[in-house]
Amino acid sequence: MALFKKRTVGKPGEWYYCLEHKKVEEGPDCPAKNRFGPYTTREEASHAMETARERNLEWETDPRWHDSGRTQEPPD
């Protein structure tokens, strides 16, 4: 018995952005490694790359992710 079943048919209302085909798809048509999602709307999925860029920028500029040479104080 397989631990994970491959979903061949998506649920209605699940939207993904396919990185390989560069388009919005309803249901998981492409492998998980090639998609962002699920999103609740087609519109939200269509902005997946913009959302990813914004999140990456936030993470890159978050001081908690960068070692500035200071020694962190141990938690209480």
N, C-alpha and C. Protein backbone atom coordinates (compact mmCIF):
# COMPACT_ATOMS: atom_id res chain seq x y z
N MET A 1 0.85 -1.19 0.00
CA MET A 1 0.00 0.00 0.00
C MET A 1 0.89 1.24 0.00
N ALA A 2 0.62 2.13 -0.89
CA ALA A 2 1.41 3.35 -1.00
C ALA A 2 1.07 4.31 0.13
N LEU A 3 2.10 5.00 0.59
CA LEU A 3 1.87 5.99 1.64
C LEU A 3 1.15 7.21 1.11
N PHE A 4 1.45 7.59 -0.11
CA PHE A 4 0.85 8.77 -0.70
C PHE A 4 0.20 8.38 -2.01
N LYS A 5 -1.02 8.75 -2.16
CA LYS A 5 -1.70 8.48 -3.42
C LYS A 5 -1.53 9.68 -4.34
N LYS A 6 -1.25 9.42 -5.58
CA LYS A 6 -1.14 10.49 -6.56
C LYS A 6 -2.55 10.96 -6.91
N ARG A 7 -2.77 12.24 -6.71
CA ARG A 7 -4.07 12.79 -7.05
C ARG A 7 -4.09 13.10 -8.53
N THR A 8 -4.94 12.43 -9.24
CA THR A 8 -5.01 12.66 -10.67
C THR A 8 -6.08 13.68 -11.02
N VAL A 9 -7.01 13.91 -10.13
CA VAL A 9 -8.07 14.87 -10.37
C VAL A 9 -8.09 15.86 -9.21
N GLY A 10 -8.09 17.13 -9.53
CA GLY A 10 -8.11 18.15 -8.49
C GLY A 10 -9.50 18.36 -7.95
N LYS A 11 -9.55 18.97 -6.81
CA LYS A 11 -10.83 19.33 -6.23
C LYS A 11 -11.32 20.60 -6.91
N PRO A 12 -12.59 20.69 -7.16
CA PRO A 12 -13.12 21.94 -7.72
C PRO A 12 -12.81 23.09 -6.77
N GLY A 13 -12.31 24.16 -7.32
CA GLY A 13 -11.99 25.33 -6.50
C GLY A 13 -10.55 25.39 -6.03
N GLU A 14 -9.75 24.36 -6.31
CA GLU A 14 -8.32 24.42 -5.99
C GLU A 14 -7.57 24.92 -7.21
N TRP A 15 -6.83 25.99 -7.02
CA TRP A 15 -6.09 26.60 -8.13
C TRP A 15 -4.60 26.55 -7.85
N TYR A 16 -3.84 26.32 -8.88
CA TYR A 16 -2.38 26.22 -8.78
C TYR A 16 -1.75 27.07 -9.87
N TYR A 17 -0.50 27.49 -9.62
CA TYR A 17 0.27 28.14 -10.67
C TYR A 17 1.37 27.18 -11.06
N CYS A 18 1.38 26.75 -12.32
CA CYS A 18 2.37 25.81 -12.82
C CYS A 18 3.62 26.57 -13.25
N LEU A 19 4.75 26.24 -12.63
CA LEU A 19 6.01 26.90 -12.93
C LEU A 19 6.58 26.45 -14.28
N GLU A 20 6.27 25.25 -14.69
CA GLU A 20 6.77 24.73 -15.96
C GLU A 20 6.02 25.37 -17.14
N HIS A 21 4.70 25.40 -17.04
CA HIS A 21 3.88 25.92 -18.14
C HIS A 21 3.58 27.42 -18.00
N LYS A 22 3.91 27.97 -16.83
CA LYS A 22 3.69 29.40 -16.55
C LYS A 22 2.24 29.80 -16.78
N LYS A 23 1.35 29.01 -16.16
CA LYS A 23 -0.08 29.31 -16.26
C LYS A 23 -0.82 28.79 -15.05
N VAL A 24 -2.02 29.31 -14.86
CA VAL A 24 -2.90 28.90 -13.77
C VAL A 24 -3.66 27.66 -14.21
N GLU A 25 -3.76 26.69 -13.29
CA GLU A 25 -4.46 25.45 -13.58
C GLU A 25 -5.39 25.12 -12.43
N GLU A 26 -6.55 24.58 -12.75
CA GLU A 26 -7.46 24.12 -11.70
C GLU A 26 -7.13 22.67 -11.41
N GLY A 27 -6.90 22.39 -10.15
CA GLY A 27 -6.53 21.03 -9.77
C GLY A 27 -5.05 20.78 -9.99
N PRO A 28 -4.49 19.77 -9.31
CA PRO A 28 -3.05 19.50 -9.45
C PRO A 28 -2.74 18.70 -10.71
N ASP A 29 -2.73 19.37 -11.86
CA ASP A 29 -2.44 18.69 -13.12
C ASP A 29 -0.96 18.33 -13.25
N CYS A 30 -0.09 19.18 -12.75
CA CYS A 30 1.35 18.97 -12.87
C CYS A 30 1.93 18.50 -11.53
N PRO A 31 3.13 17.91 -11.55
CA PRO A 31 3.76 17.44 -10.31
C PRO A 31 3.95 18.59 -9.31
N ALA A 32 3.94 18.26 -8.04
CA ALA A 32 4.06 19.26 -6.97
C ALA A 32 5.34 20.07 -7.09
N LYS A 33 6.42 19.47 -7.59
CA LYS A 33 7.68 20.20 -7.71
C LYS A 33 7.60 21.33 -8.73
N ASN A 34 6.56 21.32 -9.56
CA ASN A 34 6.43 22.33 -10.61
C ASN A 34 5.29 23.32 -10.36
N ARG A 35 4.77 23.38 -9.14
CA ARG A 35 3.63 24.26 -8.94
C ARG A 35 3.62 24.95 -7.58
N PHE A 36 2.95 26.08 -7.54
CA PHE A 36 2.65 26.79 -6.30
C PHE A 36 1.16 26.59 -6.05
N GLY A 37 0.79 26.44 -4.78
CA GLY A 37 -0.63 26.33 -4.46
C GLY A 37 -0.87 25.24 -3.45
N PRO A 38 -2.09 25.00 -3.11
CA PRO A 38 -3.30 25.48 -3.77
C PRO A 38 -3.68 26.89 -3.30
N TYR A 39 -4.37 27.58 -4.17
CA TYR A 39 -4.95 28.88 -3.87
C TYR A 39 -6.46 28.73 -3.93
N THR A 40 -7.16 29.63 -3.26
CA THR A 40 -8.62 29.53 -3.21
C THR A 40 -9.30 30.12 -4.44
N THR A 41 -8.60 30.99 -5.15
CA THR A 41 -9.20 31.59 -6.35
C THR A 41 -8.21 31.57 -7.51
N ARG A 42 -8.75 31.63 -8.71
CA ARG A 42 -7.92 31.72 -9.92
C ARG A 42 -7.10 33.00 -9.89
N GLU A 43 -7.71 34.09 -9.45
CA GLU A 43 -7.03 35.39 -9.37
C GLU A 43 -5.82 35.31 -8.44
N GLU A 44 -6.00 34.71 -7.28
CA GLU A 44 -4.89 34.57 -6.33
C GLU A 44 -3.75 33.74 -6.94
N ALA A 45 -4.09 32.66 -7.63
CA ALA A 45 -3.07 31.82 -8.28
C ALA A 45 -2.34 32.59 -9.38
N SER A 46 -3.05 33.48 -10.06
CA SER A 46 -2.43 34.23 -11.15
C SER A 46 -1.36 35.19 -10.65
N HIS A 47 -1.39 35.51 -9.36
CA HIS A 47 -0.40 36.41 -8.76
C HIS A 47 0.65 35.64 -7.96
N ALA A 48 0.77 34.34 -8.19
CA ALA A 48 1.67 33.50 -7.39
C ALA A 48 3.12 33.96 -7.47
N MET A 49 3.59 34.31 -8.65
CA MET A 49 4.99 34.72 -8.80
C MET A 49 5.24 36.06 -8.10
N GLU A 50 4.30 36.96 -8.19
CA GLU A 50 4.41 38.25 -7.50
C GLU A 50 4.43 38.04 -5.99
N THR A 51 3.55 37.18 -5.50
CA THR A 51 3.50 36.87 -4.07
C THR A 51 4.82 36.26 -3.61
N ALA A 52 5.37 35.35 -4.41
CA ALA A 52 6.65 34.71 -4.06
C ALA A 52 7.77 35.75 -4.01
N ARG A 53 7.81 36.68 -4.98
CA ARG A 53 8.84 37.73 -4.98
C ARG A 53 8.73 38.60 -3.73
N GLU A 54 7.50 38.98 -3.37
CA GLU A 54 7.29 39.81 -2.18
C GLU A 54 7.75 39.08 -0.92
N ARG A 55 7.39 37.81 -0.80
CA ARG A 55 7.78 37.04 0.39
C ARG A 55 9.29 36.85 0.45
N ASN A 56 9.91 36.58 -0.70
CA ASN A 56 11.37 36.43 -0.72
C ASN A 56 12.05 37.71 -0.28
N LEU A 57 11.57 38.85 -0.74
CA LEU A 57 12.14 40.13 -0.35
C LEU A 57 11.99 40.36 1.15
N GLU A 58 10.82 40.04 1.68
CA GLU A 58 10.61 40.17 3.13
C GLU A 58 11.60 39.31 3.90
N TRP A 59 11.79 38.08 3.46
CA TRP A 59 12.70 37.17 4.16
C TRP A 59 14.15 37.62 4.02
N GLU A 60 14.51 38.11 2.84
CA GLU A 60 15.90 38.55 2.62
C GLU A 60 16.24 39.78 3.45
N THR A 61 15.26 40.58 3.77
CA THR A 61 15.52 41.80 4.54
C THR A 61 15.14 41.66 6.01
N ASP A 62 14.72 40.49 6.42
CA ASP A 62 14.34 40.25 7.82
C ASP A 62 15.62 40.09 8.65
N PRO A 63 15.84 40.97 9.63
CA PRO A 63 17.08 40.88 10.42
C PRO A 63 17.20 39.59 11.23
N ARG A 64 16.10 38.92 11.46
CA ARG A 64 16.17 37.66 12.23
C ARG A 64 16.86 36.57 11.43
N TRP A 65 16.98 36.73 10.10
CA TRP A 65 17.59 35.71 9.26
C TRP A 65 19.05 36.01 8.94
N HIS A 66 19.57 37.10 9.47
CA HIS A 66 20.94 37.49 9.13
C HIS A 66 21.77 37.60 10.40
N ASP A 67 22.96 37.05 10.35
CA ASP A 67 23.90 37.14 11.46
C ASP A 67 24.75 38.38 11.24
N SER A 68 24.57 39.37 12.08
CA SER A 68 25.29 40.63 11.91
C SER A 68 26.56 40.66 12.75
N GLY A 69 27.00 39.49 13.22
CA GLY A 69 28.21 39.45 14.02
C GLY A 69 27.96 39.66 15.50
N ARG A 70 26.73 39.96 15.84
CA ARG A 70 26.40 40.13 17.26
C ARG A 70 26.12 38.78 17.88
N THR A 71 26.42 38.65 19.13
CA THR A 71 26.09 37.44 19.86
C THR A 71 24.68 37.59 20.38
N GLN A 72 23.86 36.62 20.09
CA GLN A 72 22.49 36.68 20.57
C GLN A 72 22.46 36.29 22.04
N GLU A 73 21.62 36.96 22.75
CA GLU A 73 21.46 36.62 24.16
C GLU A 73 20.61 35.37 24.25
N PRO A 74 20.93 34.50 25.19
CA PRO A 74 20.14 33.27 25.33
C PRO A 74 18.72 33.60 25.78
N PRO A 75 17.75 32.81 25.37
CA PRO A 75 16.36 33.03 25.81
C PRO A 75 16.22 32.84 27.30
N ASP A 76 15.25 33.52 27.88
CA ASP A 76 15.00 33.40 29.33
C ASP A 76 14.49 32.07 29.72
